[in-house]
Amino acid sequence: VQLQASGGGLVQPGGSLRLSCAVAAFSLDAYTVGWFRQTPGKEREGIGCVVKDGRTYYADSAKGRFTISRDKAKKMVYLEMTMLTPEDTGVFCSARGDGHYCGHYNYWGQGTLVTVSS
C-alpha cells in the first residue's frame, strides 16, 4: 500500500494550490483517503476525506476553501486549496482509512510541503 503526495510549493497569501495523492495497491472503491496537515508545534490536523462511495467530508477549518476529489481510473486523490493564508503552511500528507468514514487510518504516505508567504 502506498500513498504519495505531491504538488506542494510556495504560494502567496490568497492564492490557490492543488495537491495530488497517487495511491497504489488498493482500490479507491474500497477505502477512504484522508488529507492531513502537520504544522510545527501543533498536532496533526485532519482536513477531510473521500470515502469509498465518493462522498467527501471536511473539517470545519477546511469547509468552503478546500475541496477533495478523486479520479478512480488514475488512482489519484486531489486536494484543491483556495484562499490560502500563512496559517495554512505545513506538510500535507494523505492516509488510507477503512472506507466508511474519516477514520481508522492505517497507512500513511509521505507529505508535501506547502508554504504560504509573500
PDB file of N, CA and C in Angstrom:
ATOM      1  N   VAL A   1       0.857  -1.190   0.000  1.00  0.00           N
ATOM      2  CA  VAL A   1       0.000   0.000   0.000  1.00  0.00           C
ATOM      3  C   VAL A   1       0.890   1.236   0.000  1.00  0.00           C
ATOM      4  N   GLN A   2       0.604   2.138  -0.913  1.00  0.00           N
ATOM      5  CA  GLN A   2       1.387   3.375  -0.972  1.00  0.00           C
ATOM      6  C   GLN A   2       0.476   4.569  -1.233  1.00  0.00           C
ATOM      7  N   LEU A   3       0.848   5.687  -0.626  1.00  0.00           N
ATOM      8  CA  LEU A   3       0.207   6.963  -0.904  1.00  0.00           C
ATOM      9  C   LEU A   3       1.329   7.980  -1.037  1.00  0.00           C
ATOM     10  N   GLN A   4       1.349   8.689  -2.123  1.00  0.00           N
ATOM     11  CA  GLN A   4       2.416   9.647  -2.370  1.00  0.00           C
ATOM     12  C   GLN A   4       1.811  10.997  -2.721  1.00  0.00           C
ATOM     13  N   ALA A   5       2.005  11.941  -1.815  1.00  0.00           N
ATOM     14  CA  ALA A   5       1.501  13.288  -2.039  1.00  0.00           C
ATOM     15  C   ALA A   5       2.510  14.109  -2.819  1.00  0.00           C
ATOM     16  N   SER A   6       2.005  15.005  -3.637  1.00  0.00           N
ATOM     17  CA  SER A   6       2.862  15.899  -4.408  1.00  0.00           C
ATOM     18  C   SER A   6       2.117  17.184  -4.696  1.00  0.00           C
ATOM     19  N   GLY A   7       2.856  18.162  -5.220  1.00  0.00           N
ATOM     20  CA  GLY A   7       2.222  19.403  -5.621  1.00  0.00           C
ATOM     21  C   GLY A   7       2.446  20.574  -4.687  1.00  0.00           C
ATOM     22  N   GLY A   8       3.163  20.342  -3.607  1.00  0.00           N
ATOM     23  CA  GLY A   8       3.428  21.431  -2.681  1.00  0.00           C
ATOM     24  C   GLY A   8       4.381  22.457  -3.264  1.00  0.00           C
ATOM     25  N   GLY A   9       4.500  23.574  -2.571  1.00  0.00           N
ATOM     26  CA  GLY A   9       5.395  24.621  -3.017  1.00  0.00           C
ATOM     27  C   GLY A   9       5.103  25.911  -2.304  1.00  0.00           C
ATOM     28  N   LEU A  10       5.643  26.977  -2.858  1.00  0.00           N
ATOM     29  CA  LEU A  10       5.454  28.301  -2.298  1.00  0.00           C
ATOM     30  C   LEU A  10       4.301  28.996  -3.015  1.00  0.00           C
ATOM     31  N   VAL A  11       3.377  29.536  -2.232  1.00  0.00           N
ATOM     32  CA  VAL A  11       2.226  30.229  -2.810  1.00  0.00           C
ATOM     33  C   VAL A  11       1.981  31.495  -1.999  1.00  0.00           C
ATOM     34  N   GLN A  12       1.527  32.517  -2.662  1.00  0.00           N
ATOM     35  CA  GLN A  12       1.262  33.775  -1.980  1.00  0.00           C
ATOM     36  C   GLN A  12      -0.057  33.724  -1.224  1.00  0.00           C
ATOM     37  N   PRO A  13      -0.175  34.506  -0.174  1.00  0.00           N
ATOM     38  CA  PRO A  13      -1.459  34.576   0.538  1.00  0.00           C
ATOM     39  C   PRO A  13      -2.581  34.944  -0.423  1.00  0.00           C
ATOM     40  N   GLY A  14      -3.693  34.255  -0.265  1.00  0.00           N
ATOM     41  CA  GLY A  14      -4.827  34.450  -1.154  1.00  0.00           C
ATOM     42  C   GLY A  14      -4.797  33.565  -2.376  1.00  0.00           C
ATOM     43  N   GLY A  15      -3.699  32.873  -2.565  1.00  0.00           N
ATOM     44  CA  GLY A  15      -3.552  32.031  -3.738  1.00  0.00           C
ATOM     45  C   GLY A  15      -4.173  30.666  -3.580  1.00  0.00           C
ATOM     46  N   SER A  16      -4.010  29.869  -4.613  1.00  0.00           N
ATOM     47  CA  SER A  16      -4.574  28.520  -4.664  1.00  0.00           C
ATOM     48  C   SER A  16      -3.492  27.513  -5.015  1.00  0.00           C
ATOM     49  N   LEU A  17      -3.765  26.283  -4.662  1.00  0.00           N
ATOM     50  CA  LEU A  17      -2.814  25.208  -4.953  1.00  0.00           C
ATOM     51  C   LEU A  17      -3.578  23.900  -4.970  1.00  0.00           C
ATOM     52  N   ARG A  18      -3.185  23.021  -5.866  1.00  0.00           N
ATOM     53  CA  ARG A  18      -3.787  21.691  -5.880  1.00  0.00           C
ATOM     54  C   ARG A  18      -2.736  20.646  -5.551  1.00  0.00           C
ATOM     55  N   LEU A  19      -3.007  19.865  -4.543  1.00  0.00           N
ATOM     56  CA  LEU A  19      -2.149  18.750  -4.180  1.00  0.00           C
ATOM     57  C   LEU A  19      -2.721  17.467  -4.754  1.00  0.00           C
ATOM     58  N   SER A  20      -1.825  16.545  -5.056  1.00  0.00           N
ATOM     59  CA  SER A  20      -2.224  15.250  -5.596  1.00  0.00           C
ATOM     60  C   SER A  20      -1.711  14.142  -4.702  1.00  0.00           C
ATOM     61  N   CYS A  21      -2.459  13.075  -4.657  1.00  0.00           N
ATOM     62  CA  CYS A  21      -2.035  11.882  -3.939  1.00  0.00           C
ATOM     63  C   CYS A  21      -2.204  10.694  -4.870  1.00  0.00           C
ATOM     64  N   ALA A  22      -1.100  10.078  -5.209  1.00  0.00           N
ATOM     65  CA  ALA A  22      -1.130   8.868  -6.019  1.00  0.00           C
ATOM     66  C   ALA A  22      -1.171   7.670  -5.085  1.00  0.00           C
ATOM     67  N   VAL A  23      -2.152   6.798  -5.296  1.00  0.00           N
ATOM     68  CA  VAL A  23      -2.268   5.623  -4.431  1.00  0.00           C
ATOM     69  C   VAL A  23      -1.911   4.377  -5.213  1.00  0.00           C
ATOM     70  N   ALA A  24      -1.458   3.378  -4.503  1.00  0.00           N
ATOM     71  CA  ALA A  24      -1.071   2.123  -5.138  1.00  0.00           C
ATOM     72  C   ALA A  24      -1.428   0.958  -4.231  1.00  0.00           C
ATOM     73  N   ALA A  25      -1.792  -0.134  -4.865  1.00  0.00           N
ATOM     74  CA  ALA A  25      -2.044  -1.406  -4.196  1.00  0.00           C
ATOM     75  C   ALA A  25      -3.347  -1.434  -3.407  1.00  0.00           C
ATOM     76  N   PHE A  26      -4.259  -0.513  -3.695  1.00  0.00           N
ATOM     77  CA  PHE A  26      -5.601  -0.629  -3.144  1.00  0.00           C
ATOM     78  C   PHE A  26      -6.554   0.170  -4.016  1.00  0.00           C
ATOM     79  N   SER A  27      -7.832  -0.163  -3.896  1.00  0.00           N
ATOM     80  CA  SER A  27      -8.845   0.475  -4.718  1.00  0.00           C
ATOM     81  C   SER A  27      -9.519   1.609  -3.960  1.00  0.00           C
ATOM     82  N   LEU A  28      -9.741   2.701  -4.662  1.00  0.00           N
ATOM     83  CA  LEU A  28     -10.463   3.827  -4.059  1.00  0.00           C
ATOM     84  C   LEU A  28     -11.936   3.500  -3.868  1.00  0.00           C
ATOM     85  N   ASP A  29     -12.414   2.444  -4.482  1.00  0.00           N
ATOM     86  CA  ASP A  29     -13.792   1.985  -4.270  1.00  0.00           C
ATOM     87  C   ASP A  29     -13.954   1.262  -2.935  1.00  0.00           C
ATOM     88  N   ALA A  30     -12.847   0.951  -2.304  1.00  0.00           N
ATOM     89  CA  ALA A  30     -12.913   0.141  -1.090  1.00  0.00           C
ATOM     90  C   ALA A  30     -12.408   0.836   0.164  1.00  0.00           C
ATOM     91  N   TYR A  31     -11.694   1.940  -0.009  1.00  0.00           N
ATOM     92  CA  TYR A  31     -11.066   2.580   1.144  1.00  0.00           C
ATOM     93  C   TYR A  31     -11.239   4.089   1.125  1.00  0.00           C
ATOM     94  N   THR A  32     -11.120   4.655   2.297  1.00  0.00           N
ATOM     95  CA  THR A  32     -11.105   6.104   2.467  1.00  0.00           C
ATOM     96  C   THR A  32      -9.693   6.631   2.242  1.00  0.00           C
ATOM     97  N   VAL A  33      -9.592   7.811   1.677  1.00  0.00           N
ATOM     98  CA  VAL A  33      -8.327   8.536   1.656  1.00  0.00           C
ATOM     99  C   VAL A  33      -8.562   9.888   2.324  1.00  0.00           C
ATOM    100  N   GLY A  34      -7.770  10.149   3.325  1.00  0.00           N
ATOM    101  CA  GLY A  34      -7.877  11.400   4.056  1.00  0.00           C
ATOM    102  C   GLY A  34      -6.670  12.287   3.828  1.00  0.00           C
ATOM    103  N   TRP A  35      -6.879  13.582   3.982  1.00  0.00           N
ATOM    104  CA  TRP A  35      -5.792  14.561   3.886  1.00  0.00           C
ATOM    105  C   TRP A  35      -5.557  15.170   5.271  1.00  0.00           C
ATOM    106  N   PHE A  36      -4.276  15.403   5.556  1.00  0.00           N
ATOM    107  CA  PHE A  36      -3.885  15.931   6.854  1.00  0.00           C
ATOM    108  C   PHE A  36      -2.831  17.020   6.679  1.00  0.00           C
ATOM    109  N   ARG A  37      -2.732  17.864   7.679  1.00  0.00           N
ATOM    110  CA  ARG A  37      -1.701  18.902   7.680  1.00  0.00           C
ATOM    111  C   ARG A  37      -0.947  18.838   8.995  1.00  0.00           C
ATOM    112  N   GLN A  38       0.368  18.902   8.889  1.00  0.00           N
ATOM    113  CA  GLN A  38       1.231  18.931  10.068  1.00  0.00           C
ATOM    114  C   GLN A  38       1.968  20.251  10.090  1.00  0.00           C
ATOM    115  N   THR A  39       1.757  21.005  11.143  1.00  0.00           N
ATOM    116  CA  THR A  39       2.417  22.292  11.307  1.00  0.00           C
ATOM    117  C   THR A  39       3.339  22.211  12.514  1.00  0.00           C
ATOM    118  N   PRO A  40       4.558  22.753  12.412  1.00  0.00           N
ATOM    119  CA  PRO A  40       5.481  22.696  13.554  1.00  0.00           C
ATOM    120  C   PRO A  40       4.845  23.224  14.829  1.00  0.00           C
ATOM    121  N   GLY A  41       4.993  22.457  15.883  1.00  0.00           N
ATOM    122  CA  GLY A  41       4.474  22.881  17.167  1.00  0.00           C
ATOM    123  C   GLY A  41       3.017  22.579  17.392  1.00  0.00           C
ATOM    124  N   LYS A  42       2.365  22.016  16.403  1.00  0.00           N
ATOM    125  CA  LYS A  42       0.943  21.695  16.527  1.00  0.00           C
ATOM    126  C   LYS A  42       0.710  20.230  16.225  1.00  0.00           C
ATOM    127  N   GLU A  43      -0.405  19.740  16.706  1.00  0.00           N
ATOM    128  CA  GLU A  43      -0.772  18.361  16.388  1.00  0.00           C
ATOM    129  C   GLU A  43      -1.200  18.274  14.928  1.00  0.00           C
ATOM    130  N   ARG A  44      -1.052  17.070  14.395  1.00  0.00           N
ATOM    131  CA  ARG A  44      -1.524  16.845  13.035  1.00  0.00           C
ATOM    132  C   ARG A  44      -3.021  17.112  12.961  1.00  0.00           C
ATOM    133  N   GLU A  45      -3.408  17.809  11.928  1.00  0.00           N
ATOM    134  CA  GLU A  45      -4.804  18.239  11.766  1.00  0.00           C
ATOM    135  C   GLU A  45      -5.440  17.548  10.577  1.00  0.00           C
ATOM    136  N   GLY A  46      -6.590  16.953  10.791  1.00  0.00           N
ATOM    137  CA  GLY A  46      -7.326  16.364   9.694  1.00  0.00           C
ATOM    138  C   GLY A  46      -8.024  17.432   8.888  1.00  0.00           C
ATOM    139  N   ILE A  47      -7.913  17.367   7.573  1.00  0.00           N
ATOM    140  CA  ILE A  47      -8.549  18.331   6.683  1.00  0.00           C
ATOM    141  C   ILE A  47      -9.880  17.799   6.176  1.00  0.00           C
ATOM    142  N   GLY A  48      -9.871  16.555   5.790  1.00  0.00           N
ATOM    143  CA  GLY A  48     -11.074  15.935   5.270  1.00  0.00           C
ATOM    144  C   GLY A  48     -10.741  14.627   4.618  1.00  0.00           C
ATOM    145  N   CYS A  49     -11.763  14.021   4.015  1.00  0.00           N
ATOM    146  CA  CYS A  49     -11.528  12.734   3.386  1.00  0.00           C
ATOM    147  C   CYS A  49     -12.555  12.484   2.292  1.00  0.00           C
ATOM    148  N   VAL A  50     -12.228  11.512   1.464  1.00  0.00           N
ATOM    149  CA  VAL A  50     -13.196  10.979   0.497  1.00  0.00           C
ATOM    150  C   VAL A  50     -13.352   9.503   0.829  1.00  0.00           C
ATOM    151  N   VAL A  51     -14.589   9.078   1.082  1.00  0.00           N
ATOM    152  CA  VAL A  51     -14.833   7.688   1.449  1.00  0.00           C
ATOM    153  C   VAL A  51     -15.080   6.858   0.206  1.00  0.00           C
ATOM    154  N   LYS A  52     -15.281   5.578   0.394  1.00  0.00           N
ATOM    155  CA  LYS A  52     -15.266   4.673  -0.744  1.00  0.00           C
ATOM    156  C   LYS A  52     -16.390   4.912  -1.737  1.00  0.00           C
ATOM    157  N   ASP A  53     -17.517   5.474  -1.281  1.00  0.00           N
ATOM    158  CA  ASP A  53     -18.597   5.724  -2.234  1.00  0.00           C
ATOM    159  C   ASP A  53     -18.494   7.116  -2.875  1.00  0.00           C
ATOM    160  N   GLY A  54     -17.425   7.820  -2.576  1.00  0.00           N
ATOM    161  CA  GLY A  54     -17.171   9.108  -3.201  1.00  0.00           C
ATOM    162  C   GLY A  54     -17.595  10.320  -2.406  1.00  0.00           C
ATOM    163  N   ARG A  55     -18.316  10.108  -1.337  1.00  0.00           N
ATOM    164  CA  ARG A  55     -18.711  11.254  -0.525  1.00  0.00           C
ATOM    165  C   ARG A  55     -17.480  11.855   0.150  1.00  0.00           C
ATOM    166  N   THR A  56     -17.554  13.157   0.344  1.00  0.00           N
ATOM    167  CA  THR A  56     -16.453  13.862   0.982  1.00  0.00           C
ATOM    168  C   THR A  56     -16.906  14.512   2.280  1.00  0.00           C
ATOM    169  N   TYR A  57     -15.983  14.602   3.200  1.00  0.00           N
ATOM    170  CA  TYR A  57     -16.242  15.204   4.494  1.00  0.00           C
ATOM    171  C   TYR A  57     -15.077  16.123   4.826  1.00  0.00           C
ATOM    172  N   TYR A  58     -15.377  17.227   5.507  1.00  0.00           N
ATOM    173  CA  TYR A  58     -14.357  18.228   5.775  1.00  0.00           C
ATOM    174  C   TYR A  58     -14.375  18.672   7.233  1.00  0.00           C
ATOM    175  N   ALA A  59     -13.176  19.012   7.717  1.00  0.00           N
ATOM    176  CA  ALA A  59     -13.090  19.686   9.000  1.00  0.00           C
ATOM    177  C   ALA A  59     -13.655  21.094   8.847  1.00  0.00           C
ATOM    178  N   ASP A  60     -14.133  21.641   9.928  1.00  0.00           N
ATOM    179  CA  ASP A  60     -14.719  22.987   9.866  1.00  0.00           C
ATOM    180  C   ASP A  60     -13.736  24.005   9.291  1.00  0.00           C
ATOM    181  N   SER A  61     -12.461  23.840   9.605  1.00  0.00           N
ATOM    182  CA  SER A  61     -11.451  24.801   9.145  1.00  0.00           C
ATOM    183  C   SER A  61     -11.251  24.736   7.636  1.00  0.00           C
ATOM    184  N   ALA A  62     -11.684  23.643   7.023  1.00  0.00           N
ATOM    185  CA  ALA A  62     -11.460  23.458   5.591  1.00  0.00           C
ATOM    186  C   ALA A  62     -12.704  23.761   4.748  1.00  0.00           C
ATOM    187  N   LYS A  63     -13.855  23.767   5.368  1.00  0.00           N
ATOM    188  CA  LYS A  63     -15.090  23.959   4.609  1.00  0.00           C
ATOM    189  C   LYS A  63     -15.099  25.306   3.913  1.00  0.00           C
ATOM    190  N   GLY A  64     -15.452  25.267   2.648  1.00  0.00           N
ATOM    191  CA  GLY A  64     -15.543  26.490   1.867  1.00  0.00           C
ATOM    192  C   GLY A  64     -14.269  26.894   1.176  1.00  0.00           C
ATOM    193  N   ARG A  65     -13.139  26.359   1.603  1.00  0.00           N
ATOM    194  CA  ARG A  65     -11.862  26.716   0.987  1.00  0.00           C
ATOM    195  C   ARG A  65     -11.178  25.531   0.330  1.00  0.00           C
ATOM    196  N   PHE A  66     -11.361  24.353   0.890  1.00  0.00           N
ATOM    197  CA  PHE A  66     -10.665  23.167   0.394  1.00  0.00           C
ATOM    198  C   PHE A  66     -11.669  22.194  -0.211  1.00  0.00           C
ATOM    199  N   THR A  67     -11.252  21.529  -1.280  1.00  0.00           N
ATOM    200  CA  THR A  67     -12.106  20.550  -1.939  1.00  0.00           C
ATOM    201  C   THR A  67     -11.306  19.298  -2.227  1.00  0.00           C
ATOM    202  N   ILE A  68     -11.850  18.165  -1.823  1.00  0.00           N
ATOM    203  CA  ILE A  68     -11.222  16.867  -2.095  1.00  0.00           C
ATOM    204  C   ILE A  68     -11.978  16.199  -3.233  1.00  0.00           C
ATOM    205  N   SER A  69     -11.225  15.643  -4.159  1.00  0.00           N
ATOM    206  CA  SER A  69     -11.822  14.907  -5.265  1.00  0.00           C
ATOM    207  C   SER A  69     -10.947  13.708  -5.587  1.00  0.00           C
ATOM    208  N   ARG A  70     -11.445  12.867  -6.450  1.00  0.00           N
ATOM    209  CA  ARG A  70     -10.663  11.687  -6.823  1.00  0.00           C
ATOM    210  C   ARG A  70     -10.905  11.309  -8.266  1.00  0.00           C
ATOM    211  N   ASP A  71      -9.941  10.609  -8.827  1.00  0.00           N
ATOM    212  CA  ASP A  71     -10.056  10.022 -10.154  1.00  0.00           C
ATOM    213  C   ASP A  71      -9.721   8.550  -9.969  1.00  0.00           C
ATOM    214  N   LYS A  72     -10.747   7.738  -9.938  1.00  0.00           N
ATOM    215  CA  LYS A  72     -10.528   6.321  -9.647  1.00  0.00           C
ATOM    216  C   LYS A  72      -9.688   5.641 -10.718  1.00  0.00           C
ATOM    217  N   ALA A  73      -9.898   6.004 -11.967  1.00  0.00           N
ATOM    218  CA  ALA A  73      -9.155   5.372 -13.061  1.00  0.00           C
ATOM    219  C   ALA A  73      -7.663   5.655 -12.963  1.00  0.00           C
ATOM    220  N   LYS A  74      -7.347   6.859 -12.557  1.00  0.00           N
ATOM    221  CA  LYS A  74      -5.936   7.242 -12.423  1.00  0.00           C
ATOM    222  C   LYS A  74      -5.380   6.914 -11.041  1.00  0.00           C
ATOM    223  N   LYS A  75      -6.250   6.503 -10.142  1.00  0.00           N
ATOM    224  CA  LYS A  75      -5.861   6.200  -8.764  1.00  0.00           C
ATOM    225  C   LYS A  75      -5.229   7.428  -8.107  1.00  0.00           C
ATOM    226  N   MET A  76      -5.924   8.514  -8.260  1.00  0.00           N
ATOM    227  CA  MET A  76      -5.445   9.779  -7.723  1.00  0.00           C
ATOM    228  C   MET A  76      -6.516  10.409  -6.835  1.00  0.00           C
ATOM    229  N   VAL A  77      -6.061  11.054  -5.776  1.00  0.00           N
ATOM    230  CA  VAL A  77      -6.935  11.846  -4.922  1.00  0.00           C
ATOM    231  C   VAL A  77      -6.332  13.245  -4.856  1.00  0.00           C
ATOM    232  N   TYR A  78      -7.200  14.247  -4.939  1.00  0.00           N
ATOM    233  CA  TYR A  78      -6.728  15.622  -5.018  1.00  0.00           C
ATOM    234  C   TYR A  78      -7.237  16.451  -3.845  1.00  0.00           C
ATOM    235  N   LEU A  79      -6.442  17.447  -3.509  1.00  0.00           N
ATOM    236  CA  LEU A  79      -6.856  18.435  -2.530  1.00  0.00           C
ATOM    237  C   LEU A  79      -6.665  19.804  -3.157  1.00  0.00           C
ATOM    238  N   GLU A  80      -7.783  20.429  -3.486  1.00  0.00           N
ATOM    239  CA  GLU A  80      -7.763  21.763  -4.071  1.00  0.00           C
ATOM    240  C   GLU A  80      -7.911  22.766  -2.928  1.00  0.00           C
ATOM    241  N   MET A  81      -6.936  23.677  -2.833  1.00  0.00           N
ATOM    242  CA  MET A  81      -6.936  24.647  -1.742  1.00  0.00           C
ATOM    243  C   MET A  81      -7.024  26.057  -2.312  1.00  0.00           C
ATOM    244  N   THR A  82      -7.896  26.849  -1.769  1.00  0.00           N
ATOM    245  CA  THR A  82      -8.067  28.222  -2.217  1.00  0.00           C
ATOM    246  C   THR A  82      -7.977  29.168  -1.022  1.00  0.00           C
ATOM    247  N   MET A  83      -7.847  30.447  -1.321  1.00  0.00           N
ATOM    248  CA  MET A  83      -7.800  31.497  -0.292  1.00  0.00           C
ATOM    249  C   MET A  83      -6.802  31.138   0.810  1.00  0.00           C
ATOM    250  N   LEU A  84      -5.636  30.728   0.397  1.00  0.00           N
ATOM    251  CA  LEU A  84      -4.636  30.268   1.347  1.00  0.00           C
ATOM    252  C   LEU A  84      -4.103  31.423   2.192  1.00  0.00           C
ATOM    253  N   THR A  85      -3.818  31.120   3.432  1.00  0.00           N
ATOM    254  CA  THR A  85      -3.239  32.087   4.364  1.00  0.00           C
ATOM    255  C   THR A  85      -1.944  31.512   4.923  1.00  0.00           C
ATOM    256  N   PRO A  86      -1.109  32.327   5.515  1.00  0.00           N
ATOM    257  CA  PRO A  86       0.128  31.801   6.120  1.00  0.00           C
ATOM    258  C   PRO A  86      -0.132  30.705   7.151  1.00  0.00           C
ATOM    259  N   GLU A  87      -1.300  30.737   7.775  1.00  0.00           N
ATOM    260  CA  GLU A  87      -1.627  29.698   8.758  1.00  0.00           C
ATOM    261  C   GLU A  87      -1.849  28.326   8.102  1.00  0.00           C
ATOM    262  N   ASP A  88      -1.986  28.298   6.807  1.00  0.00           N
ATOM    263  CA  ASP A  88      -2.133  27.024   6.097  1.00  0.00           C
ATOM    264  C   ASP A  88      -0.790  26.362   5.823  1.00  0.00           C
ATOM    265  N   THR A  89       0.287  27.040   6.100  1.00  0.00           N
ATOM    266  CA  THR A  89       1.614  26.479   5.875  1.00  0.00           C
ATOM    267  C   THR A  89       1.806  25.195   6.666  1.00  0.00           C
ATOM    268  N   GLY A  90       2.365  24.189   6.005  1.00  0.00           N
ATOM    269  CA  GLY A  90       2.625  22.934   6.692  1.00  0.00           C
ATOM    270  C   GLY A  90       2.937  21.832   5.713  1.00  0.00           C
ATOM    271  N   VAL A  91       3.171  20.656   6.261  1.00  0.00           N
ATOM    272  CA  VAL A  91       3.379  19.464   5.451  1.00  0.00           C
ATOM    273  C   VAL A  91       2.039  18.758   5.328  1.00  0.00           C
ATOM    274  N   PHE A  92       1.618  18.543   4.106  1.00  0.00           N
ATOM    275  CA  PHE A  92       0.341  17.900   3.824  1.00  0.00           C
ATOM    276  C   PHE A  92       0.598  16.459   3.408  1.00  0.00           C
ATOM    277  N   CYS A  93      -0.134  15.565   4.005  1.00  0.00           N
ATOM    278  CA  CYS A  93       0.017  14.166   3.651  1.00  0.00           C
ATOM    279  C   CYS A  93      -1.349  13.496   3.588  1.00  0.00           C
ATOM    280  N   SER A  94      -1.350  12.301   3.085  1.00  0.00           N
ATOM    281  CA  SER A  94      -2.593  11.553   2.958  1.00  0.00           C
ATOM    282  C   SER A  94      -2.455  10.197   3.633  1.00  0.00           C
ATOM    283  N   ALA A  95      -3.589   9.598   3.906  1.00  0.00           N
ATOM    284  CA  ALA A  95      -3.600   8.318   4.593  1.00  0.00           C
ATOM    285  C   ALA A  95      -4.802   7.503   4.133  1.00  0.00           C
ATOM    286  N   ARG A  96      -4.697   6.193   4.286  1.00  0.00           N
ATOM    287  CA  ARG A  96      -5.795   5.305   3.912  1.00  0.00           C
ATOM    288  C   ARG A  96      -6.590   4.901   5.136  1.00  0.00           C
ATOM    289  N   GLY A  97      -7.895   5.018   5.018  1.00  0.00           N
ATOM    290  CA  GLY A  97      -8.779   4.607   6.093  1.00  0.00           C
ATOM    291  C   GLY A  97      -9.649   3.439   5.672  1.00  0.00           C
ATOM    292  N   ASP A  98     -10.627   3.101   6.518  1.00  0.00           N
ATOM    293  CA  ASP A  98     -11.339   1.835   6.301  1.00  0.00           C
ATOM    294  C   ASP A  98     -12.467   1.901   5.301  1.00  0.00           C
ATOM    295  N   GLY A  99     -12.778   3.094   4.802  1.00  0.00           N
ATOM    296  CA  GLY A  99     -13.750   3.172   3.722  1.00  0.00           C
ATOM    297  C   GLY A  99     -15.087   3.789   4.067  1.00  0.00           C
ATOM    298  N   HIS A 100     -15.486   3.707   5.325  1.00  0.00           N
ATOM    299  CA  HIS A 100     -16.839   4.121   5.663  1.00  0.00           C
ATOM    300  C   HIS A 100     -16.943   5.583   6.098  1.00  0.00           C
ATOM    301  N   TYR A 101     -15.891   6.096   6.675  1.00  0.00           N
ATOM    302  CA  TYR A 101     -15.900   7.466   7.160  1.00  0.00           C
ATOM    303  C   TYR A 101     -14.456   7.916   7.319  1.00  0.00           C
ATOM    304  N   CYS A 102     -14.280   9.122   7.804  1.00  0.00           N
ATOM    305  CA  CYS A 102     -12.929   9.648   8.005  1.00  0.00           C
ATOM    306  C   CYS A 102     -12.378   9.085   9.308  1.00  0.00           C
ATOM    307  N   GLY A 103     -11.610   8.023   9.219  1.00  0.00           N
ATOM    308  CA  GLY A 103     -11.040   7.462  10.425  1.00  0.00           C
ATOM    309  C   GLY A 103     -10.402   6.118  10.171  1.00  0.00           C
ATOM    310  N   HIS A 104      -9.879   5.548  11.249  1.00  0.00           N
ATOM    311  CA  HIS A 104      -9.231   4.241  11.180  1.00  0.00           C
ATOM    312  C   HIS A 104      -8.159   4.209  10.106  1.00  0.00           C
ATOM    313  N   TYR A 105      -7.313   5.226  10.137  1.00  0.00           N
ATOM    314  CA  TYR A 105      -6.246   5.296   9.153  1.00  0.00           C
ATOM    315  C   TYR A 105      -5.112   4.362   9.556  1.00  0.00           C
ATOM    316  N   ASN A 106      -4.675   3.535   8.630  1.00  0.00           N
ATOM    317  CA  ASN A 106      -3.634   2.573   8.965  1.00  0.00           C
ATOM    318  C   ASN A 106      -2.434   2.614   8.031  1.00  0.00           C
ATOM    319  N   TYR A 107      -2.523   3.368   6.972  1.00  0.00           N
ATOM    320  CA  TYR A 107      -1.369   3.562   6.094  1.00  0.00           C
ATOM    321  C   TYR A 107      -1.220   5.051   5.816  1.00  0.00           C
ATOM    322  N   TRP A 108       0.018   5.520   5.945  1.00  0.00           N
ATOM    323  CA  TRP A 108       0.304   6.938   5.779  1.00  0.00           C
ATOM    324  C   TRP A 108       1.368   7.124   4.703  1.00  0.00           C
ATOM    325  N   GLY A 109       1.181   8.171   3.939  1.00  0.00           N
ATOM    326  CA  GLY A 109       2.166   8.485   2.930  1.00  0.00           C
ATOM    327  C   GLY A 109       3.058   9.628   3.367  1.00  0.00           C
ATOM    328  N   GLN A 110       4.113   9.832   2.617  1.00  0.00           N
ATOM    329  CA  GLN A 110       4.981  10.973   2.869  1.00  0.00           C
ATOM    330  C   GLN A 110       4.292  12.245   2.411  1.00  0.00           C
ATOM    331  N   GLY A 111       4.642  13.314   3.048  1.00  0.00           N
ATOM    332  CA  GLY A 111       3.957  14.561   2.787  1.00  0.00           C
ATOM    333  C   GLY A 111       4.643  15.443   1.777  1.00  0.00           C
ATOM    334  N   THR A 112       3.959  16.535   1.485  1.00  0.00           N
ATOM    335  CA  THR A 112       4.499  17.548   0.600  1.00  0.00           C
ATOM    336  C   THR A 112       4.344  18.901   1.292  1.00  0.00           C
ATOM    337  N   LEU A 113       5.383  19.715   1.220  1.00  0.00           N
ATOM    338  CA  LEU A 113       5.406  20.966   1.965  1.00  0.00           C
ATOM    339  C   LEU A 113       4.711  22.080   1.195  1.00  0.00           C
ATOM    340  N   VAL A 114       3.824  22.757   1.891  1.00  0.00           N
ATOM    341  CA  VAL A 114       3.156  23.940   1.354  1.00  0.00           C
ATOM    342  C   VAL A 114       3.560  25.133   2.215  1.00  0.00           C
ATOM    343  N   THR A 115       4.077  26.146   1.568  1.00  0.00           N
ATOM    344  CA  THR A 115       4.459  27.372   2.272  1.00  0.00           C
ATOM    345  C   THR A 115       3.665  28.524   1.695  1.00  0.00           C
ATOM    346  N   VAL A 116       2.916  29.186   2.560  1.00  0.00           N
ATOM    347  CA  VAL A 116       2.118  30.335   2.133  1.00  0.00           C
ATOM    348  C   VAL A 116       2.803  31.590   2.673  1.00  0.00           C
ATOM    349  N   SER A 117       3.368  32.343   1.769  1.00  0.00           N
ATOM    350  CA  SER A 117       4.138  33.512   2.184  1.00  0.00           C
ATOM    351  C   SER A 117       4.279  34.477   1.030  1.00  0.00           C
ATOM    352  N   SER A 118       4.379  35.741   1.365  1.00  0.00           N
ATOM    353  CA  SER A 118       4.617  36.746   0.343  1.00  0.00           C
ATOM    354  C   SER A 118       6.107  37.045   0.227  1.00  0.00           C
TER     355      SER A 118
END
